[in-house]
Amino acid sequence: MIDIEIWSRWKGLAETIIIIPKFKRVWEKTKDVHAHEFRDFIDSL
């Protein structure tokens, strides 16, 4: 379980970096190595 304040900051960071084109390209190539739940979360942003 992650503290709500830490989660809020982490989620905000994820929402910021997901719009970076290079991050999106790398994510598409490497997301299969991550847990299904994490992939779903990142892909939902």
PDB file of N, CA and C in Angstrom:
ATOM      1  N   MET A   1       0.854  -1.170   0.000  1.00  0.00           N
ATOM      2  CA  MET A   1       0.000   0.000   0.000  1.00  0.00           C
ATOM      3  C   MET A   1       0.901   1.234   0.000  1.00  0.00           C
ATOM      4  N   ILE A   2       0.531   2.218  -0.786  1.00  0.00           N
ATOM      5  CA  ILE A   2       1.308   3.455  -0.901  1.00  0.00           C
ATOM      6  C   ILE A   2       0.535   4.599  -0.244  1.00  0.00           C
ATOM      7  N   ASP A   3       1.243   5.393   0.525  1.00  0.00           N
ATOM      8  CA  ASP A   3       0.655   6.570   1.157  1.00  0.00           C
ATOM      9  C   ASP A   3      -0.020   7.433   0.095  1.00  0.00           C
ATOM     10  N   ILE A   4      -1.198   7.951   0.377  1.00  0.00           N
ATOM     11  CA  ILE A   4      -1.988   8.719  -0.592  1.00  0.00           C
ATOM     12  C   ILE A   4      -1.235   9.943  -1.110  1.00  0.00           C
ATOM     13  N   GLU A   5      -0.461  10.604  -0.270  1.00  0.00           N
ATOM     14  CA  GLU A   5       0.304  11.777  -0.711  1.00  0.00           C
ATOM     15  C   GLU A   5       1.406  11.374  -1.692  1.00  0.00           C
ATOM     16  N   ILE A   6       2.091  10.291  -1.380  1.00  0.00           N
ATOM     17  CA  ILE A   6       3.142   9.806  -2.280  1.00  0.00           C
ATOM     18  C   ILE A   6       2.520   9.343  -3.595  1.00  0.00           C
ATOM     19  N   TRP A   7       1.402   8.616  -3.521  1.00  0.00           N
ATOM     20  CA  TRP A   7       0.731   8.156  -4.739  1.00  0.00           C
ATOM     21  C   TRP A   7       0.296   9.340  -5.603  1.00  0.00           C
ATOM     22  N   SER A   8      -0.241  10.370  -4.993  1.00  0.00           N
ATOM     23  CA  SER A   8      -0.693  11.545  -5.730  1.00  0.00           C
ATOM     24  C   SER A   8       0.463  12.179  -6.493  1.00  0.00           C
ATOM     25  N   ARG A   9       1.597  12.286  -5.862  1.00  0.00           N
ATOM     26  CA  ARG A   9       2.776  12.863  -6.521  1.00  0.00           C
ATOM     27  C   ARG A   9       3.267  11.957  -7.647  1.00  0.00           C
ATOM     28  N   TRP A  10       3.295  10.653  -7.396  1.00  0.00           N
ATOM     29  CA  TRP A  10       3.765   9.718  -8.397  1.00  0.00           C
ATOM     30  C   TRP A  10       2.830   9.716  -9.604  1.00  0.00           C
ATOM     31  N   LYS A  11       1.534   9.742  -9.351  1.00  0.00           N
ATOM     32  CA  LYS A  11       0.565   9.759 -10.440  1.00  0.00           C
ATOM     33  C   LYS A  11       0.711  11.037 -11.265  1.00  0.00           C
ATOM     34  N   GLY A  12       0.911  12.161 -10.606  1.00  0.00           N
ATOM     35  CA  GLY A  12       1.122  13.425 -11.301  1.00  0.00           C
ATOM     36  C   GLY A  12       2.348  13.379 -12.188  1.00  0.00           C
ATOM     37  N   LEU A  13       3.414  12.776 -11.695  1.00  0.00           N
ATOM     38  CA  LEU A  13       4.632  12.623 -12.493  1.00  0.00           C
ATOM     39  C   LEU A  13       4.362  11.728 -13.702  1.00  0.00           C
ATOM     40  N   ALA A  14       3.664  10.637 -13.487  1.00  0.00           N
ATOM     41  CA  ALA A  14       3.346   9.727 -14.596  1.00  0.00           C
ATOM     42  C   ALA A  14       2.510  10.433 -15.653  1.00  0.00           C
ATOM     43  N   GLU A  15       1.561  11.232 -15.231  1.00  0.00           N
ATOM     44  CA  GLU A  15       0.721  11.979 -16.173  1.00  0.00           C
ATOM     45  C   GLU A  15       1.538  12.992 -16.970  1.00  0.00           C
ATOM     46  N   THR A  16       2.590  13.510 -16.365  1.00  0.00           N
ATOM     47  CA  THR A  16       3.459  14.474 -17.036  1.00  0.00           C
ATOM     48  C   THR A  16       4.372  13.790 -18.049  1.00  0.00           C
ATOM     49  N   ILE A  17       4.990  12.686 -17.656  1.00  0.00           N
ATOM     50  CA  ILE A  17       5.963  12.068 -18.560  1.00  0.00           C
ATOM     51  C   ILE A  17       5.312  11.276 -19.688  1.00  0.00           C
ATOM     52  N   ILE A  18       4.079  10.841 -19.525  1.00  0.00           N
ATOM     53  CA  ILE A  18       3.436  10.044 -20.566  1.00  0.00           C
ATOM     54  C   ILE A  18       3.230  10.855 -21.847  1.00  0.00           C
ATOM     55  N   ILE A  19       3.231  12.172 -21.749  1.00  0.00           N
ATOM     56  CA  ILE A  19       3.017  12.983 -22.957  1.00  0.00           C
ATOM     57  C   ILE A  19       4.322  13.281 -23.712  1.00  0.00           C
ATOM     58  N   ILE A  20       5.446  12.869 -23.160  1.00  0.00           N
ATOM     59  CA  ILE A  20       6.732  13.060 -23.826  1.00  0.00           C
ATOM     60  C   ILE A  20       6.852  12.017 -24.941  1.00  0.00           C
ATOM     61  N   PRO A  21       7.023  12.471 -26.182  1.00  0.00           N
ATOM     62  CA  PRO A  21       7.058  11.514 -27.303  1.00  0.00           C
ATOM     63  C   PRO A  21       8.064  10.373 -27.142  1.00  0.00           C
ATOM     64  N   LYS A  22       9.267  10.673 -26.673  1.00  0.00           N
ATOM     65  CA  LYS A  22      10.269   9.608 -26.513  1.00  0.00           C
ATOM     66  C   LYS A  22       9.822   8.600 -25.468  1.00  0.00           C
ATOM     67  N   PHE A  23       9.225   9.067 -24.390  1.00  0.00           N
ATOM     68  CA  PHE A  23       8.728   8.146 -23.366  1.00  0.00           C
ATOM     69  C   PHE A  23       7.670   7.228 -23.966  1.00  0.00           C
ATOM     70  N   LYS A  24       6.755   7.802 -24.752  1.00  0.00           N
ATOM     71  CA  LYS A  24       5.703   6.990 -25.369  1.00  0.00           C
ATOM     72  C   LYS A  24       6.298   5.907 -26.271  1.00  0.00           C
ATOM     73  N   ARG A  25       7.310   6.262 -27.049  1.00  0.00           N
ATOM     74  CA  ARG A  25       7.939   5.280 -27.943  1.00  0.00           C
ATOM     75  C   ARG A  25       8.603   4.158 -27.152  1.00  0.00           C
ATOM     76  N   VAL A  26       9.337   4.536 -26.122  1.00  0.00           N
ATOM     77  CA  VAL A  26      10.012   3.530 -25.292  1.00  0.00           C
ATOM     78  C   VAL A  26       8.980   2.682 -24.557  1.00  0.00           C
ATOM     79  N   TRP A  27       7.939   3.317 -24.042  1.00  0.00           N
ATOM     80  CA  TRP A  27       6.900   2.584 -23.325  1.00  0.00           C
ATOM     81  C   TRP A  27       6.270   1.520 -24.218  1.00  0.00           C
ATOM     82  N   GLU A  28       5.935   1.878 -25.437  1.00  0.00           N
ATOM     83  CA  GLU A  28       5.308   0.925 -26.356  1.00  0.00           C
ATOM     84  C   GLU A  28       6.213  -0.272 -26.633  1.00  0.00           C
ATOM     85  N   LYS A  29       7.519  -0.050 -26.639  1.00  0.00           N
ATOM     86  CA  LYS A  29       8.461  -1.136 -26.915  1.00  0.00           C
ATOM     87  C   LYS A  29       8.760  -1.995 -25.693  1.00  0.00           C
ATOM     88  N   THR A  30       8.574  -1.456 -24.490  1.00  0.00           N
ATOM     89  CA  THR A  30       9.025  -2.157 -23.278  1.00  0.00           C
ATOM     90  C   THR A  30       7.921  -2.480 -22.282  1.00  0.00           C
ATOM     91  N   LYS A  31       6.698  -2.063 -22.531  1.00  0.00           N
ATOM     92  CA  LYS A  31       5.663  -2.221 -21.504  1.00  0.00           C
ATOM     93  C   LYS A  31       5.362  -3.663 -21.153  1.00  0.00           C
ATOM     94  N   ASP A  32       5.666  -4.595 -22.056  1.00  0.00           N
ATOM     95  CA  ASP A  32       5.370  -6.002 -21.784  1.00  0.00           C
ATOM     96  C   ASP A  32       6.194  -6.597 -20.649  1.00  0.00           C
ATOM     97  N   VAL A  33       7.265  -5.933 -20.251  1.00  0.00           N
ATOM     98  CA  VAL A  33       8.076  -6.458 -19.148  1.00  0.00           C
ATOM     99  C   VAL A  33       7.511  -6.055 -17.784  1.00  0.00           C
ATOM    100  N   HIS A  34       6.486  -5.220 -17.767  1.00  0.00           N
ATOM    101  CA  HIS A  34       5.884  -4.747 -16.522  1.00  0.00           C
ATOM    102  C   HIS A  34       4.631  -5.542 -16.179  1.00  0.00           C
ATOM    103  N   ALA A  35       4.236  -5.466 -14.935  1.00  0.00           N
ATOM    104  CA  ALA A  35       3.031  -6.155 -14.469  1.00  0.00           C
ATOM    105  C   ALA A  35       1.800  -5.628 -15.200  1.00  0.00           C
ATOM    106  N   HIS A  36       0.854  -6.511 -15.422  1.00  0.00           N
ATOM    107  CA  HIS A  36      -0.384  -6.172 -16.138  1.00  0.00           C
ATOM    108  C   HIS A  36      -1.070  -4.948 -15.526  1.00  0.00           C
ATOM    109  N   GLU A  37      -1.146  -4.895 -14.207  1.00  0.00           N
ATOM    110  CA  GLU A  37      -1.817  -3.784 -13.530  1.00  0.00           C
ATOM    111  C   GLU A  37      -1.100  -2.454 -13.789  1.00  0.00           C
ATOM    112  N   PHE A  38       0.225  -2.498 -13.792  1.00  0.00           N
ATOM    113  CA  PHE A  38       0.987  -1.279 -14.061  1.00  0.00           C
ATOM    114  C   PHE A  38       0.804  -0.846 -15.509  1.00  0.00           C
ATOM    115  N   ARG A  39       0.835  -1.791 -16.437  1.00  0.00           N
ATOM    116  CA  ARG A  39       0.585  -1.450 -17.845  1.00  0.00           C
ATOM    117  C   ARG A  39      -0.777  -0.819 -18.015  1.00  0.00           C
ATOM    118  N   ASP A  40      -1.786  -1.392 -17.381  1.00  0.00           N
ATOM    119  CA  ASP A  40      -3.144  -0.839 -17.483  1.00  0.00           C
ATOM    120  C   ASP A  40      -3.187   0.580 -16.946  1.00  0.00           C
ATOM    121  N   PHE A  41      -2.502   0.817 -15.826  1.00  0.00           N
ATOM    122  CA  PHE A  41      -2.493   2.155 -15.235  1.00  0.00           C
ATOM    123  C   PHE A  41      -1.851   3.161 -16.184  1.00  0.00           C
ATOM    124  N   ILE A  42      -0.651   2.852 -16.669  1.00  0.00           N
ATOM    125  CA  ILE A  42       0.040   3.793 -17.555  1.00  0.00           C
ATOM    126  C   ILE A  42      -0.767   4.007 -18.839  1.00  0.00           C
ATOM    127  N   ASP A  43      -1.311   2.947 -19.391  1.00  0.00           N
ATOM    128  CA  ASP A  43      -2.078   3.076 -20.620  1.00  0.00           C
ATOM    129  C   ASP A  43      -3.390   3.845 -20.412  1.00  0.00           C
ATOM    130  N   SER A  44      -3.855   3.944 -19.176  1.00  0.00           N
ATOM    131  CA  SER A  44      -5.104   4.656 -18.897  1.00  0.00           C
ATOM    132  C   SER A  44      -4.887   6.169 -18.768  1.00  0.00           C
ATOM    133  N   LEU A  45      -3.637   6.606 -18.701  1.00  0.00           N
ATOM    134  CA  LEU A  45      -3.358   8.031 -18.527  1.00  0.00           C
ATOM    135  C   LEU A  45      -3.557   8.792 -19.807  1.00  0.00           C
TER     136      LEU A  45
END
